[in-house]
Protein backbone atom coordinates (compact mmCIF):
# COMPACT_ATOMS: atom_id res chain seq x y z
CA MET A 1 -0.08 -0.13 -0.19
CA LYS A 2 3.07 2.50 0.88
CA LYS A 3 4.66 1.64 -2.19
CA ILE A 4 1.31 2.42 -4.31
CA LEU A 5 0.95 5.43 -2.40
CA LEU A 6 4.67 6.35 -3.19
CA ILE A 7 4.22 6.00 -6.89
CA LEU A 8 1.05 8.15 -6.90
CA PHE A 9 2.77 10.99 -5.07
CA CYS A 10 5.52 11.15 -7.31
CA THR A 11 2.97 10.98 -10.35
CA VAL A 12 1.25 14.15 -9.05
CA SER A 13 4.61 16.16 -8.36
CA ILE A 14 6.09 15.26 -12.01
CA ALA A 15 2.79 16.64 -13.54
CA ASP A 16 2.76 19.57 -11.18
CA ALA A 17 6.54 20.57 -12.04
CA GLN A 18 5.68 20.00 -15.81
CA LYS A 19 2.68 22.80 -15.98
CA THR A 20 3.43 25.44 -17.98
CA GLY A 21 1.74 28.69 -19.10
CA ALA A 22 2.26 31.49 -21.48
CA LEU A 23 3.66 35.36 -21.48
CA GLN A 24 2.73 38.11 -23.60
CA LEU A 25 5.60 40.66 -23.71
CA GLN A 26 4.24 44.13 -25.12
CA PHE A 27 6.78 46.37 -26.57
CA SER A 28 6.20 50.11 -26.49
CA ASN A 29 8.61 52.47 -28.09
CA PHE A 30 8.77 56.10 -26.38
CA LEU A 31 11.22 59.09 -26.98
CA GLY A 32 11.39 60.24 -23.31
CA ASP A 33 8.25 60.44 -21.63
CA GLU A 34 6.01 60.50 -25.07
CA PRO A 35 4.94 57.68 -27.16
CA LEU A 36 7.43 57.71 -30.30
CA VAL A 37 5.72 59.22 -33.49
CA LEU A 38 7.58 58.53 -36.40
CA ASN A 39 8.03 61.78 -39.18
CA GLU A 40 5.24 64.02 -37.71
CA LYS A 41 6.61 65.06 -34.10
CA LYS A 42 9.99 67.06 -33.57
CA TYR A 43 11.88 65.93 -30.41
CA MET A 44 14.94 67.63 -28.57
CA ASN A 45 18.02 65.44 -27.28
CA ALA A 46 20.59 66.15 -24.56
CA ALA A 47 23.40 67.41 -27.16
CA GLY A 48 20.80 70.47 -28.23
CA ASN A 49 19.86 68.77 -31.45
CA GLU A 50 15.84 69.13 -32.79
CA PHE A 51 15.27 65.98 -34.73
CA ASN A 52 12.38 63.63 -35.93
CA VAL A 53 12.61 59.84 -36.33
CA SER A 54 11.60 58.16 -39.41
CA LEU A 55 12.52 54.77 -38.62
CA PHE A 56 13.16 52.76 -35.50
CA GLN A 57 13.58 49.04 -35.16
CA TYR A 58 15.61 46.44 -33.20
CA PHE A 59 16.35 42.86 -32.51
CA ILE A 60 15.90 41.22 -29.11
CA SER A 61 16.82 37.52 -28.30
CA ASN A 62 18.03 35.00 -25.93
CA ILE A 63 15.21 35.75 -23.35
CA GLN A 64 15.58 34.69 -19.62
CA LEU A 65 13.49 34.71 -16.89
CA THR A 66 14.68 34.56 -13.43
CA GLY A 67 12.52 33.05 -10.80
CA LYS A 68 11.74 34.22 -7.20
CA ASP A 69 14.05 31.39 -5.75
CA GLY A 70 16.95 32.62 -8.01
CA SER A 71 16.50 30.00 -10.78
CA VAL A 72 16.96 30.61 -14.23
CA TYR A 73 14.56 29.98 -17.10
CA ILE A 74 16.04 30.05 -20.62
CA TYR A 75 13.47 30.18 -23.51
CA THR A 76 13.65 27.89 -26.35
CA GLN A 77 16.61 29.71 -28.11
CA GLU A 78 15.43 28.30 -31.62
CA LYS A 79 12.02 30.66 -30.90
CA SER A 80 14.07 33.26 -29.39
CA TYR A 81 14.53 35.98 -31.72
CA PHE A 82 12.24 38.74 -32.39
CA LEU A 83 12.31 41.79 -34.86
CA ILE A 84 10.20 44.91 -33.25
CA ARG A 85 9.39 47.37 -35.89
CA GLU A 86 7.83 50.83 -34.71
CA SER A 87 6.08 50.68 -38.07
CA ASN A 88 4.35 47.36 -37.46
CA LYS A 89 2.45 47.30 -34.43
CA GLU A 90 1.92 43.56 -34.56
CA SER A 91 5.71 43.08 -34.34
CA GLN A 92 5.60 45.16 -30.80
CA SER A 93 3.37 42.05 -28.84
CA ILE A 94 5.27 38.54 -28.84
CA LYS A 95 3.94 35.40 -26.99
CA LEU A 96 5.95 33.19 -25.31
CA SER A 97 4.63 29.52 -24.30
CA ASP A 98 5.67 26.62 -22.27
CA ILE A 99 6.94 28.82 -19.49
CA PRO A 100 7.23 26.75 -16.02
CA VAL A 101 4.47 27.83 -13.50
CA GLY A 102 5.74 30.00 -10.91
CA LYS A 103 6.92 33.56 -9.55
CA TYR A 104 9.55 35.33 -11.40
CA SER A 105 11.57 38.66 -10.57
CA SER A 106 13.10 39.81 -13.62
CA ILE A 107 13.59 39.44 -17.44
CA SER A 108 16.81 39.69 -19.36
CA PHE A 109 17.35 39.34 -23.11
CA THR A 110 20.18 40.07 -25.74
CA ILE A 111 19.73 43.33 -27.77
CA GLY A 112 20.78 42.13 -31.23
CA ILE A 113 21.81 38.63 -31.94
CA ASP A 114 24.35 36.46 -30.84
CA SER A 115 27.66 35.22 -32.51
CA VAL A 116 26.52 31.79 -32.69
CA ARG A 117 23.36 32.45 -34.66
CA SER A 118 25.13 35.05 -37.01
CA ALA A 119 27.26 32.87 -38.03
CA SER A 120 25.65 29.65 -38.46
CA ASP A 121 24.24 28.61 -42.08
CA ILE A 122 21.42 30.78 -43.64
CA SER A 123 19.15 27.43 -43.67
CA ALA A 124 19.17 27.92 -39.55
CA ARG A 125 17.93 31.45 -39.74
CA LYS A 126 14.03 31.68 -40.47
CA GLY A 127 11.46 34.07 -39.81
CA CYS A 128 12.71 37.24 -38.58
CA LEU A 129 16.33 36.30 -39.24
CA ASP A 130 15.46 35.41 -43.20
CA ILE A 131 18.23 37.81 -44.71
CA ALA A 132 16.25 37.63 -47.90
CA GLY A 133 12.77 38.14 -45.99
CA ASP A 134 11.81 39.83 -42.76
CA ALA A 135 15.63 40.67 -42.26
CA LYS A 136 16.54 41.86 -45.47
CA ASP A 137 16.73 45.77 -44.41
CA MET A 138 18.37 44.66 -41.09
CA TYR A 139 21.08 42.82 -42.80
CA TRP A 140 24.73 43.98 -43.99
CA ALA A 141 25.44 42.05 -46.82
CA TRP A 142 28.79 43.62 -47.29
CA ASN A 143 29.76 43.15 -43.77
CA SER A 144 27.82 39.71 -43.26
CA GLY A 145 26.24 40.78 -40.02
CA TYR A 146 22.87 41.71 -38.65
CA ILE A 147 21.95 45.39 -37.78
CA PHE A 148 21.01 45.27 -34.00
CA VAL A 149 19.30 48.49 -33.71
CA LYS A 150 18.38 50.94 -36.54
CA MET A 151 17.12 54.59 -36.15
CA GLU A 152 16.77 57.13 -38.75
CA GLY A 153 15.43 60.76 -39.34
CA THR A 154 16.12 63.84 -39.75
CA SER A 155 17.92 66.79 -37.96
CA PRO A 156 18.69 70.78 -38.88
CA GLN A 157 22.07 70.05 -37.02
CA ALA A 158 22.96 67.36 -39.27
CA THR A 159 25.73 67.75 -41.43
CA THR A 160 24.74 65.26 -44.22
CA GLU A 161 22.57 66.13 -47.43
CA ASN A 162 19.22 66.23 -47.00
CA LYS A 163 19.66 66.53 -43.22
CA LEU A 164 19.57 62.87 -42.39
CA PHE A 165 20.78 61.09 -39.67
CA MET A 166 21.22 57.10 -39.36
CA TYR A 167 22.66 55.20 -36.77
CA HIS A 168 22.85 51.31 -37.77
CA ILE A 169 24.44 49.59 -35.12
CA GLY A 170 25.75 45.80 -35.52
CA LEU A 171 29.08 43.80 -35.25
CA PHE A 172 29.24 40.42 -33.33
CA GLY A 173 32.91 40.34 -32.68
CA GLY A 174 33.44 38.60 -35.95
CA MET A 175 34.49 35.19 -36.83
CA GLY A 176 38.28 33.48 -37.06
CA ASN A 177 40.85 36.04 -37.99
CA LYS A 178 38.48 38.58 -39.06
CA LYS A 179 37.76 40.16 -35.71
CA THR A 180 35.58 43.36 -35.21
CA LEU A 181 34.02 45.08 -32.51
CA ASN A 182 31.23 43.40 -30.48
CA ASN A 183 28.22 45.45 -29.66
CA ILE A 184 26.07 42.81 -28.58
CA ARG A 185 24.49 43.87 -25.31
CA THR A 186 22.36 42.31 -22.61
CA THR A 187 19.84 44.07 -20.53
CA THR A 188 17.91 43.29 -17.44
CA ILE A 189 14.58 44.66 -16.08
CA GLY A 190 14.12 43.92 -12.62
CA PHE A 191 10.17 43.63 -11.04
CA GLY A 192 10.87 45.32 -7.49
CA LYS A 193 8.68 43.99 -4.98
CA LYS A 194 6.07 42.55 -7.75
CA ALA A 195 6.45 39.35 -8.98
CA LEU A 196 5.30 38.24 -12.58
CA GLN A 197 3.23 35.10 -11.75
CA ILE A 198 2.89 32.60 -14.67
CA LYS A 199 -0.19 30.58 -14.40
CA ASP A 200 -1.30 27.84 -16.07
CA SER A 201 -2.00 27.45 -19.85
CA LYS A 202 -5.54 29.14 -19.84
CA LYS A 203 -4.39 32.22 -18.19
CA LEU A 204 -2.01 34.48 -20.16
CA SER A 205 0.32 36.37 -17.94
CA GLN A 206 1.20 40.16 -19.37
CA LEU A 207 4.65 42.03 -19.26
CA SER A 208 4.65 45.66 -20.65
CA ILE A 209 8.10 47.04 -21.71
CA LYS A 210 8.94 50.66 -22.26
CA THR A 211 11.52 51.20 -25.16
CA ASP A 212 12.72 54.70 -24.87
CA ALA A 213 14.44 55.70 -28.16
CA LEU A 214 15.95 58.88 -26.63
CA LYS A 215 18.40 56.59 -24.49
CA LEU A 216 20.19 55.84 -27.87
CA LEU A 217 20.87 59.41 -27.95
CA ASN A 218 21.32 60.62 -24.55
CA GLY A 219 23.49 58.33 -21.94
CA GLU A 220 26.98 57.71 -21.04
CA THR A 221 27.84 59.31 -24.32
CA ASN A 222 25.53 62.27 -25.74
CA ILE A 223 25.27 61.90 -29.40
CA ASP A 224 25.68 64.84 -31.22
CA MET A 225 24.00 65.10 -35.09
CA ALA A 226 26.27 67.34 -35.84
CA ARG A 227 29.44 65.52 -35.26
CA ASN A 228 28.31 61.86 -35.95
CA PRO A 229 25.04 62.20 -37.83
CA ALA A 230 25.87 58.73 -39.60
CA VAL A 231 27.04 55.73 -37.49
CA MET A 232 27.60 52.25 -38.44
CA ALA A 233 30.61 49.98 -38.11
CA SER A 234 32.81 52.80 -36.91
CA PRO A 235 34.36 52.51 -33.28
CA PHE A 236 31.84 55.32 -32.04
CA SER A 237 29.19 52.56 -32.72
CA ALA A 238 30.42 50.89 -29.56
CA LYS A 239 29.19 54.01 -27.81
CA ILE A 240 25.56 54.07 -28.95
CA ALA A 241 25.55 50.48 -28.13
CA GLU A 242 26.37 51.43 -24.61
CA ASN A 243 23.63 54.05 -24.21
CA TYR A 244 21.06 51.65 -25.97
CA LYS A 245 21.31 48.59 -23.49
CA ASP A 246 19.55 51.02 -21.04
CA MET A 247 16.78 51.65 -23.36
CA PHE A 248 14.20 49.26 -21.47
CA SER A 249 12.20 49.73 -18.65
CA LEU A 250 9.10 48.22 -16.53
CA ILE A 251 5.61 49.46 -17.31
CA GLU A 252 3.30 46.92 -15.74
CA LEU A 253 2.85 43.20 -15.21
CA LYS A 254 -0.24 41.46 -14.87
């Protein structure tokens, strides 16, 4: 009898341990305290540049959740690549499934694409990583690498033709003897005294994240569009990467 009860107890415990739920991540793009508006609205950065934004988009990947007990859940890497576009509202909402039920204290993710995936065969890069499809405008064919964050617009202070500015930041460290800067950055958003509760599959948990595009321009280095109106693979790109790692913060969780 004791043996039967023990078997039943173990069966129930294993079943409970395998319970999973789903999480909806909502990214809302801001410029400072205001929702980002493409093309029409004028903004000001810390360097005193007036500007508008015509394009803003970025990759996030390698999502991890840290439990209240300190355990770390790593989301399935194959499914952990997303391209967020301000011009596409649907891309700003991400559903993650099969997350172990429990309470979580923070979320971490990579801004950009990790070196392993960047260097993998093209056949292994589908969906938002398809360089002939969705990722076509987020990939440097000449540099064989993804653009992690892209921001474009105009500013009266920009010293380029038509007053355009563009910040296309990528570089994953390179391969073999062809080393480059490594502008991959990781960010962690803590939930403070609150906890993100992942419930059973019938109840969708929600986490809203603010992406402040102004942090790309204002931070450890304040970007002056008169001096640096166009930045891609130059050493200065690392300073912008250091800025944008702080773009993300918690709005609310449910």
